[in-house]
Amino acid sequence: GLRRMGCAYPAPSAPSAPKSSGRRVPSPGPAVASHASGSNLSAQVAEKLLEGYTLLNESCPTTNAPLIESPDGRILSVGTGTWYERRGDSIVPVKPFAQPAPPTLAG
């Protein structure tokens, strides 16, 4: 059979009920949510890599998500969907192309 090696970390245990000292045990809720969004980001990065994008060793300044570079040299944050361009040693957001305003009906 398999033999377990000693581990420096204690085995996980069920959380104990809060004591009457007034201290609360933090909820694991946000960690679960961030893991789910992290999986979604990983899936988005994987999809873009299959489309020919390159994973950069830089992170989004807003979300710390990975930045990827398109085959034509544009840089995308998968965390925000923001496009960036390289200016010297830094990256700056690229403003989206202006859309023409829809015509308004005169009344």
C-alpha atoms as a PDB file:
ATOM      1  CA  GLY A   1       0.000   0.000   0.000  1.00  0.00           C
ATOM      2  CA  LEU A   2       0.937   3.661  -0.021  1.00  0.00           C
ATOM      3  CA  ARG A   3       2.921   4.962   2.890  1.00  0.00           C
ATOM      4  CA  ARG A   4       2.251   8.519   4.040  1.00  0.00           C
ATOM      5  CA  MET A   5       5.237  10.699   4.620  1.00  0.00           C
ATOM      6  CA  GLY A   6       5.328  13.089   7.555  1.00  0.00           C
ATOM      7  CA  CYS A   7       3.960  16.536   6.802  1.00  0.00           C
ATOM      8  CA  ALA A   8       4.926  19.853   8.352  1.00  0.00           C
ATOM      9  CA  TYR A   9       1.328  21.065   8.179  1.00  0.00           C
ATOM     10  CA  PRO A  10      -1.384  19.808  10.522  1.00  0.00           C
ATOM     11  CA  ALA A  11      -4.168  17.747   9.000  1.00  0.00           C
ATOM     12  CA  PRO A  12      -7.272  19.798   8.165  1.00  0.00           C
ATOM     13  CA  SER A  13      -9.971  19.609  10.780  1.00  0.00           C
ATOM     14  CA  ALA A  14     -13.577  20.680  10.943  1.00  0.00           C
ATOM     15  CA  PRO A  15     -13.970  24.310  12.055  1.00  0.00           C
ATOM     16  CA  SER A  16     -14.848  24.609  15.711  1.00  0.00           C
ATOM     17  CA  ALA A  17     -17.834  26.566  16.932  1.00  0.00           C
ATOM     18  CA  PRO A  18     -17.026  30.202  17.729  1.00  0.00           C
ATOM     19  CA  LYS A  19     -16.200  30.745  21.373  1.00  0.00           C
ATOM     20  CA  SER A  20     -18.007  33.345  23.421  1.00  0.00           C
ATOM     21  CA  SER A  21     -14.912  35.595  23.338  1.00  0.00           C
ATOM     22  CA  GLY A  22     -16.523  37.627  20.534  1.00  0.00           C
ATOM     23  CA  ARG A  23     -13.948  36.653  17.896  1.00  0.00           C
ATOM     24  CA  ARG A  24     -15.402  35.359  14.659  1.00  0.00           C
ATOM     25  CA  VAL A  25     -13.861  32.779  12.396  1.00  0.00           C
ATOM     26  CA  PRO A  26     -13.591  34.203   8.849  1.00  0.00           C
ATOM     27  CA  SER A  27     -15.974  32.701   6.336  1.00  0.00           C
ATOM     28  CA  PRO A  28     -14.432  30.699   3.465  1.00  0.00           C
ATOM     29  CA  GLY A  29     -16.968  32.244   1.037  1.00  0.00           C
ATOM     30  CA  PRO A  30     -14.741  34.785  -0.763  1.00  0.00           C
ATOM     31  CA  ALA A  31     -11.915  32.275  -1.205  1.00  0.00           C
ATOM     32  CA  VAL A  32     -14.299  29.908  -2.960  1.00  0.00           C
ATOM     33  CA  ALA A  33     -15.565  32.717  -5.187  1.00  0.00           C
ATOM     34  CA  SER A  34     -12.054  33.845  -6.135  1.00  0.00           C
ATOM     35  CA  HIS A  35     -11.094  30.262  -6.945  1.00  0.00           C
ATOM     36  CA  ALA A  36     -14.056  29.997  -9.299  1.00  0.00           C
ATOM     37  CA  SER A  37     -13.154  33.261 -11.044  1.00  0.00           C
ATOM     38  CA  GLY A  38      -9.520  32.148 -11.173  1.00  0.00           C
ATOM     39  CA  SER A  39     -10.607  28.990 -12.986  1.00  0.00           C
ATOM     40  CA  ASN A  40     -12.587  31.130 -15.410  1.00  0.00           C
ATOM     41  CA  LEU A  41      -9.539  33.340 -16.047  1.00  0.00           C
ATOM     42  CA  SER A  42      -7.417  30.246 -16.643  1.00  0.00           C
ATOM     43  CA  ALA A  43      -9.947  29.003 -19.182  1.00  0.00           C
ATOM     44  CA  GLN A  44      -9.947  32.388 -20.956  1.00  0.00           C
ATOM     45  CA  VAL A  45      -6.135  32.454 -21.076  1.00  0.00           C
ATOM     46  CA  ALA A  46      -6.034  28.883 -22.399  1.00  0.00           C
ATOM     47  CA  GLU A  47      -8.557  29.757 -25.120  1.00  0.00           C
ATOM     48  CA  LYS A  48      -6.522  32.785 -26.214  1.00  0.00           C
ATOM     49  CA  LEU A  49      -3.275  30.778 -26.232  1.00  0.00           C
ATOM     50  CA  LEU A  50      -4.933  28.310 -28.602  1.00  0.00           C
ATOM     51  CA  GLU A  51      -5.825  31.285 -30.822  1.00  0.00           C
ATOM     52  CA  GLY A  52      -2.129  32.206 -31.089  1.00  0.00           C
ATOM     53  CA  TYR A  53      -1.774  34.702 -28.234  1.00  0.00           C
ATOM     54  CA  THR A  54       1.402  34.757 -26.118  1.00  0.00           C
ATOM     55  CA  LEU A  55       1.385  34.751 -22.320  1.00  0.00           C
ATOM     56  CA  LEU A  56       3.448  37.658 -21.004  1.00  0.00           C
ATOM     57  CA  ASN A  57       5.377  37.790 -17.733  1.00  0.00           C
ATOM     58  CA  GLU A  58       3.494  40.967 -16.818  1.00  0.00           C
ATOM     59  CA  SER A  59       0.231  41.351 -14.900  1.00  0.00           C
ATOM     60  CA  CYS A  60      -2.759  43.621 -15.258  1.00  0.00           C
ATOM     61  CA  PRO A  61      -2.189  46.730 -13.120  1.00  0.00           C
ATOM     62  CA  THR A  62      -5.847  46.598 -12.008  1.00  0.00           C
ATOM     63  CA  THR A  63      -6.549  42.924 -11.314  1.00  0.00           C
ATOM     64  CA  ASN A  64      -3.091  41.313 -11.311  1.00  0.00           C
ATOM     65  CA  ALA A  65      -4.454  38.850 -13.892  1.00  0.00           C
ATOM     66  CA  PRO A  66      -2.046  37.700 -16.597  1.00  0.00           C
ATOM     67  CA  LEU A  67      -1.527  39.818 -19.684  1.00  0.00           C
ATOM     68  CA  ILE A  68      -1.483  38.168 -23.088  1.00  0.00           C
ATOM     69  CA  GLU A  69      -0.272  39.505 -26.409  1.00  0.00           C
ATOM     70  CA  SER A  70      -2.202  38.998 -29.628  1.00  0.00           C
ATOM     71  CA  PRO A  71      -0.420  37.851 -32.797  1.00  0.00           C
ATOM     72  CA  ASP A  72      -0.624  41.446 -34.089  1.00  0.00           C
ATOM     73  CA  GLY A  73       1.075  42.851 -30.956  1.00  0.00           C
ATOM     74  CA  ARG A  74      -1.906  44.089 -28.936  1.00  0.00           C
ATOM     75  CA  ILE A  75      -1.867  43.367 -25.184  1.00  0.00           C
ATOM     76  CA  LEU A  76      -5.019  42.159 -23.403  1.00  0.00           C
ATOM     77  CA  SER A  77      -5.872  41.812 -19.713  1.00  0.00           C
ATOM     78  CA  VAL A  78      -8.083  38.762 -19.329  1.00  0.00           C
ATOM     79  CA  GLY A  79      -9.114  40.096 -15.908  1.00  0.00           C
ATOM     80  CA  THR A  80     -10.753  43.281 -17.198  1.00  0.00           C
ATOM     81  CA  GLY A  81     -10.937  42.831 -20.975  1.00  0.00           C
ATOM     82  CA  THR A  82      -8.873  46.033 -21.307  1.00  0.00           C
ATOM     83  CA  TRP A  83      -6.474  46.384 -24.221  1.00  0.00           C
ATOM     84  CA  TYR A  84      -3.056  47.931 -23.572  1.00  0.00           C
ATOM     85  CA  GLU A  85      -0.132  49.131 -25.626  1.00  0.00           C
ATOM     86  CA  ARG A  86       3.520  49.231 -24.731  1.00  0.00           C
ATOM     87  CA  ARG A  87       5.087  52.660 -24.275  1.00  0.00           C
ATOM     88  CA  GLY A  88       8.728  52.351 -23.346  1.00  0.00           C
ATOM     89  CA  ASP A  89       8.999  50.098 -20.302  1.00  0.00           C
ATOM     90  CA  SER A  90       5.360  50.480 -19.273  1.00  0.00           C
ATOM     91  CA  ILE A  91       1.954  49.535 -20.598  1.00  0.00           C
ATOM     92  CA  VAL A  92      -0.908  51.971 -20.900  1.00  0.00           C
ATOM     93  CA  PRO A  93      -4.602  51.325 -21.549  1.00  0.00           C
ATOM     94  CA  VAL A  94      -5.785  51.886 -25.082  1.00  0.00           C
ATOM     95  CA  LYS A  95      -9.012  53.840 -25.354  1.00  0.00           C
ATOM     96  CA  PRO A  96     -11.649  51.923 -27.292  1.00  0.00           C
ATOM     97  CA  PHE A  97     -12.484  53.216 -30.726  1.00  0.00           C
ATOM     98  CA  ALA A  98     -15.193  55.852 -30.549  1.00  0.00           C
ATOM     99  CA  GLN A  99     -18.555  54.581 -31.703  1.00  0.00           C
ATOM    100  CA  PRO A 100     -20.709  57.037 -33.627  1.00  0.00           C
ATOM    101  CA  ALA A 101     -23.659  58.250 -31.584  1.00  0.00           C
ATOM    102  CA  PRO A 102     -26.966  56.735 -32.653  1.00  0.00           C
ATOM    103  CA  PRO A 103     -29.206  59.185 -34.497  1.00  0.00           C
ATOM    104  CA  THR A 104     -31.825  60.842 -32.343  1.00  0.00           C
ATOM    105  CA  LEU A 105     -35.379  61.429 -33.412  1.00  0.00           C
ATOM    106  CA  ALA A 106     -36.384  65.056 -33.460  1.00  0.00           C
ATOM    107  CA  GLY A 107     -39.766  65.514 -31.863  1.00  0.00           C
END
